Amino acid sequence: MTWDDLIDSVRNTLALRDLKDPSIRGRALSNLDSIMRRYFPNIITSPELLLEKDKNEFKKKLARVMSKDELNGAESSIVNNFYQILEASKFEED
């Protein structure tokens, strides 16, 4: 799975959910995409590398890069989606 495929999958997942304000998660996705492209090019090149990192530790690292104490709820949810989709795609390959 490419990074762009992952972003598209998260975007599609968000579209299917009955969110009160889907634009909040859409902005969080766009923001995280930009941050990831700038600070984590190795994951952009090989998204499956994300699964080698502890999700909570990675969230903390992202928050530090974004100069804040922790991710907000929308950002945290998007990162959860990254992991869920990557895990699911890993099982599809087996």
N, C-alpha and C. Protein backbone atom coordinates (compact mmCIF):
# COMPACT_ATOMS: atom_id res chain seq x y z
N MET A 1 0.84 -1.17 0.00
CA MET A 1 0.00 0.00 0.00
C MET A 1 0.89 1.24 0.00
N THR A 2 0.59 2.16 -0.88
CA THR A 2 1.35 3.41 -0.92
C THR A 2 0.76 4.40 0.10
N TRP A 3 1.50 5.45 0.37
CA TRP A 3 1.02 6.47 1.28
C TRP A 3 -0.26 7.11 0.73
N ASP A 4 -0.27 7.40 -0.55
CA ASP A 4 -1.47 8.01 -1.15
C ASP A 4 -2.67 7.07 -1.05
N ASP A 5 -2.45 5.78 -1.20
CA ASP A 5 -3.53 4.80 -1.02
C ASP A 5 -4.05 4.83 0.41
N LEU A 6 -3.13 4.94 1.36
CA LEU A 6 -3.52 5.00 2.77
C LEU A 6 -4.36 6.25 3.04
N ILE A 7 -3.92 7.39 2.55
CA ILE A 7 -4.67 8.63 2.74
C ILE A 7 -6.05 8.51 2.12
N ASP A 8 -6.12 7.97 0.92
CA ASP A 8 -7.42 7.77 0.26
C ASP A 8 -8.32 6.84 1.06
N SER A 9 -7.74 5.78 1.61
CA SER A 9 -8.52 4.84 2.41
C SER A 9 -9.08 5.50 3.67
N VAL A 10 -8.25 6.31 4.32
CA VAL A 10 -8.73 7.03 5.51
C VAL A 10 -9.83 8.00 5.11
N ARG A 11 -9.63 8.72 4.03
CA ARG A 11 -10.64 9.66 3.55
C ARG A 11 -11.97 8.94 3.27
N ASN A 12 -11.89 7.78 2.63
CA ASN A 12 -13.09 6.99 2.34
C ASN A 12 -13.75 6.49 3.63
N THR A 13 -12.94 6.08 4.58
CA THR A 13 -13.47 5.63 5.87
C THR A 13 -14.21 6.77 6.57
N LEU A 14 -13.64 7.94 6.52
CA LEU A 14 -14.29 9.10 7.15
C LEU A 14 -15.61 9.43 6.47
N ALA A 15 -15.65 9.28 5.15
CA ALA A 15 -16.87 9.58 4.40
C ALA A 15 -18.00 8.63 4.76
N LEU A 16 -17.65 7.40 5.13
CA LEU A 16 -18.66 6.41 5.46
C LEU A 16 -19.19 6.53 6.89
N ARG A 17 -18.46 7.24 7.73
CA ARG A 17 -18.88 7.37 9.12
C ARG A 17 -19.88 8.51 9.27
N ASP A 18 -20.73 8.37 10.24
CA ASP A 18 -21.75 9.38 10.50
C ASP A 18 -21.20 10.39 11.51
N LEU A 19 -20.25 11.21 11.03
CA LEU A 19 -19.61 12.19 11.90
C LEU A 19 -20.43 13.47 11.94
N LYS A 20 -20.47 14.08 13.11
CA LYS A 20 -21.21 15.33 13.27
C LYS A 20 -20.66 16.41 12.35
N ASP A 21 -19.34 16.55 12.32
CA ASP A 21 -18.69 17.52 11.44
C ASP A 21 -17.48 16.87 10.79
N PRO A 22 -17.68 16.20 9.64
CA PRO A 22 -16.57 15.48 9.00
C PRO A 22 -15.42 16.39 8.55
N SER A 23 -15.67 17.67 8.39
CA SER A 23 -14.61 18.56 7.95
C SER A 23 -13.48 18.67 8.97
N ILE A 24 -13.80 18.47 10.24
CA ILE A 24 -12.76 18.54 11.28
C ILE A 24 -11.74 17.42 11.07
N ARG A 25 -12.22 16.21 10.83
CA ARG A 25 -11.31 15.09 10.59
C ARG A 25 -10.62 15.25 9.24
N GLY A 26 -11.32 15.81 8.27
CA GLY A 26 -10.70 16.05 6.96
C GLY A 26 -9.52 16.99 7.07
N ARG A 27 -9.69 18.06 7.85
CA ARG A 27 -8.57 19.00 8.07
C ARG A 27 -7.44 18.33 8.84
N ALA A 28 -7.80 17.52 9.82
CA ALA A 28 -6.77 16.81 10.59
C ALA A 28 -5.98 15.86 9.68
N LEU A 29 -6.69 15.19 8.78
CA LEU A 29 -6.02 14.29 7.84
C LEU A 29 -5.06 15.05 6.94
N SER A 30 -5.50 16.17 6.40
CA SER A 30 -4.64 16.98 5.53
C SER A 30 -3.42 17.49 6.29
N ASN A 31 -3.64 17.94 7.51
CA ASN A 31 -2.55 18.45 8.34
C ASN A 31 -1.54 17.34 8.65
N LEU A 32 -2.05 16.18 9.05
CA LEU A 32 -1.14 15.07 9.36
C LEU A 32 -0.40 14.58 8.13
N ASP A 33 -1.07 14.59 6.98
CA ASP A 33 -0.41 14.22 5.73
C ASP A 33 0.79 15.14 5.48
N SER A 34 0.59 16.43 5.64
CA SER A 34 1.69 17.40 5.45
C SER A 34 2.82 17.18 6.44
N ILE A 35 2.47 16.98 7.70
CA ILE A 35 3.48 16.75 8.74
C ILE A 35 4.28 15.48 8.44
N MET A 36 3.56 14.43 8.06
CA MET A 36 4.22 13.16 7.78
C MET A 36 5.17 13.30 6.58
N ARG A 37 4.73 13.99 5.57
CA ARG A 37 5.59 14.17 4.38
C ARG A 37 6.85 14.96 4.72
N ARG A 38 6.73 15.88 5.63
CA ARG A 38 7.88 16.72 5.99
C ARG A 38 8.85 16.03 6.95
N TYR A 39 8.28 15.38 7.99
CA TYR A 39 9.12 14.87 9.06
C TYR A 39 9.35 13.35 9.04
N PHE A 40 8.55 12.63 8.31
CA PHE A 40 8.66 11.17 8.29
C PHE A 40 8.68 10.63 6.86
N PRO A 41 9.63 11.07 6.04
CA PRO A 41 9.65 10.63 4.63
C PRO A 41 9.84 9.12 4.48
N ASN A 42 10.47 8.49 5.46
CA ASN A 42 10.64 7.03 5.38
C ASN A 42 9.29 6.32 5.45
N ILE A 43 8.36 6.85 6.23
CA ILE A 43 7.03 6.25 6.32
C ILE A 43 6.22 6.56 5.06
N ILE A 44 6.44 7.72 4.47
CA ILE A 44 5.76 8.05 3.22
C ILE A 44 6.20 7.07 2.14
N THR A 45 7.48 6.75 2.12
CA THR A 45 8.02 5.82 1.14
C THR A 45 7.54 4.39 1.39
N SER A 46 7.48 4.00 2.66
CA SER A 46 7.07 2.64 3.04
C SER A 46 6.13 2.71 4.24
N PRO A 47 4.85 2.95 3.99
CA PRO A 47 3.90 3.13 5.09
C PRO A 47 3.85 1.98 6.09
N GLU A 48 4.17 0.78 5.64
CA GLU A 48 4.13 -0.37 6.55
C GLU A 48 5.14 -0.23 7.69
N LEU A 49 6.12 0.65 7.55
CA LEU A 49 7.08 0.91 8.64
C LEU A 49 6.38 1.46 9.88
N LEU A 50 5.24 2.09 9.66
CA LEU A 50 4.49 2.64 10.79
C LEU A 50 4.09 1.54 11.77
N LEU A 51 3.81 0.35 11.26
CA LEU A 51 3.40 -0.76 12.12
C LEU A 51 4.52 -1.25 13.02
N GLU A 52 5.74 -0.87 12.72
CA GLU A 52 6.87 -1.25 13.56
C GLU A 52 7.00 -0.32 14.77
N LYS A 53 6.24 0.75 14.76
CA LYS A 53 6.28 1.73 15.84
C LYS A 53 5.07 1.58 16.74
N ASP A 54 5.29 1.69 18.03
CA ASP A 54 4.17 1.68 18.97
C ASP A 54 3.26 2.87 18.68
N LYS A 55 1.98 2.61 18.54
CA LYS A 55 1.04 3.66 18.15
C LYS A 55 1.04 4.83 19.14
N ASN A 56 1.02 4.55 20.43
CA ASN A 56 0.97 5.64 21.40
C ASN A 56 2.27 6.44 21.43
N GLU A 57 3.38 5.75 21.28
CA GLU A 57 4.67 6.45 21.21
C GLU A 57 4.75 7.30 19.94
N PHE A 58 4.22 6.78 18.85
CA PHE A 58 4.24 7.56 17.61
C PHE A 58 3.36 8.80 17.73
N LYS A 59 2.23 8.66 18.40
CA LYS A 59 1.35 9.83 18.62
C LYS A 59 2.10 10.90 19.43
N LYS A 60 2.84 10.47 20.43
CA LYS A 60 3.62 11.42 21.23
C LYS A 60 4.68 12.12 20.38
N LYS A 61 5.32 11.33 19.52
CA LYS A 61 6.36 11.89 18.64
C LYS A 61 5.75 12.91 17.67
N LEU A 62 4.59 12.57 17.11
CA LEU A 62 3.90 13.50 16.22
C LEU A 62 3.54 14.79 16.96
N ALA A 63 3.04 14.66 18.17
CA ALA A 63 2.67 15.84 18.96
C ALA A 63 3.89 16.72 19.19
N ARG A 64 5.03 16.11 19.50
CA ARG A 64 6.26 16.90 19.71
C ARG A 64 6.64 17.65 18.45
N VAL A 65 6.55 16.97 17.31
CA VAL A 65 6.87 17.61 16.03
C VAL A 65 5.93 18.79 15.78
N MET A 66 4.69 18.65 16.24
CA MET A 66 3.69 19.70 16.05
C MET A 66 3.73 20.74 17.17
N SER A 67 4.72 20.62 18.06
CA SER A 67 4.93 21.55 19.17
C SER A 67 3.73 21.64 20.11
N LYS A 68 3.20 20.48 20.47
CA LYS A 68 2.13 20.46 21.45
C LYS A 68 2.28 19.25 22.35
N ASP A 69 1.53 19.25 23.45
CA ASP A 69 1.65 18.18 24.43
C ASP A 69 1.07 16.86 23.94
N GLU A 70 -0.05 16.94 23.23
CA GLU A 70 -0.68 15.73 22.70
C GLU A 70 -1.54 16.07 21.50
N LEU A 71 -1.83 15.05 20.71
CA LEU A 71 -2.69 15.25 19.55
C LEU A 71 -4.11 15.51 20.02
N ASN A 72 -4.86 16.27 19.23
CA ASN A 72 -6.27 16.44 19.57
C ASN A 72 -7.03 15.17 19.17
N GLY A 73 -8.30 15.10 19.50
CA GLY A 73 -9.09 13.91 19.26
C GLY A 73 -9.15 13.52 17.80
N ALA A 74 -9.32 14.48 16.91
CA ALA A 74 -9.39 14.19 15.48
C ALA A 74 -8.07 13.64 14.96
N GLU A 75 -6.97 14.25 15.38
CA GLU A 75 -5.64 13.78 14.95
C GLU A 75 -5.36 12.37 15.46
N SER A 76 -5.69 12.14 16.71
CA SER A 76 -5.49 10.83 17.30
C SER A 76 -6.32 9.78 16.56
N SER A 77 -7.54 10.12 16.22
CA SER A 77 -8.41 9.21 15.48
C SER A 77 -7.84 8.88 14.10
N ILE A 78 -7.28 9.88 13.44
CA ILE A 78 -6.67 9.67 12.12
C ILE A 78 -5.49 8.71 12.23
N VAL A 79 -4.66 8.90 13.23
CA VAL A 79 -3.51 7.99 13.42
C VAL A 79 -4.02 6.57 13.68
N ASN A 80 -5.08 6.44 14.49
CA ASN A 80 -5.67 5.13 14.71
C ASN A 80 -6.11 4.51 13.38
N ASN A 81 -6.71 5.33 12.52
CA ASN A 81 -7.13 4.85 11.20
C ASN A 81 -5.93 4.38 10.38
N PHE A 82 -4.82 5.11 10.44
CA PHE A 82 -3.61 4.69 9.72
C PHE A 82 -3.25 3.25 10.11
N TYR A 83 -3.17 3.03 11.42
CA TYR A 83 -2.79 1.71 11.91
C TYR A 83 -3.81 0.65 11.54
N GLN A 84 -5.09 0.94 11.69
CA GLN A 84 -6.14 -0.04 11.38
C GLN A 84 -6.10 -0.44 9.91
N ILE A 85 -5.98 0.53 9.05
CA ILE A 85 -5.97 0.24 7.61
C ILE A 85 -4.71 -0.51 7.21
N LEU A 86 -3.57 -0.12 7.75
CA LEU A 86 -2.33 -0.83 7.45
C LEU A 86 -2.38 -2.27 7.95
N GLU A 87 -2.92 -2.47 9.15
CA GLU A 87 -3.06 -3.83 9.68
C GLU A 87 -3.96 -4.66 8.77
N ALA A 88 -5.08 -4.09 8.37
CA ALA A 88 -6.02 -4.81 7.50
C ALA A 88 -5.37 -5.15 6.15
N SER A 89 -4.60 -4.22 5.61
CA SER A 89 -3.98 -4.48 4.31
C SER A 89 -2.91 -5.55 4.43
N LYS A 90 -2.28 -5.63 5.60
CA LYS A 90 -1.27 -6.66 5.83
C LYS A 90 -1.90 -8.05 5.80
N PHE A 91 -3.10 -8.17 6.37
CA PHE A 91 -3.79 -9.45 6.36
C PHE A 91 -4.28 -9.81 4.96
N GLU A 92 -4.63 -8.81 4.18
CA GLU A 92 -5.08 -9.06 2.80
C GLU A 92 -3.94 -9.60 1.94
N GLU A 93 -2.71 -9.19 2.25
CA GLU A 93 -1.55 -9.63 1.48
C GLU A 93 -1.19 -11.08 1.79
N ASP A 94 -1.50 -11.53 3.01
CA ASP A 94 -1.13 -12.90 3.42
C ASP A 94 -2.00 -13.95 2.75
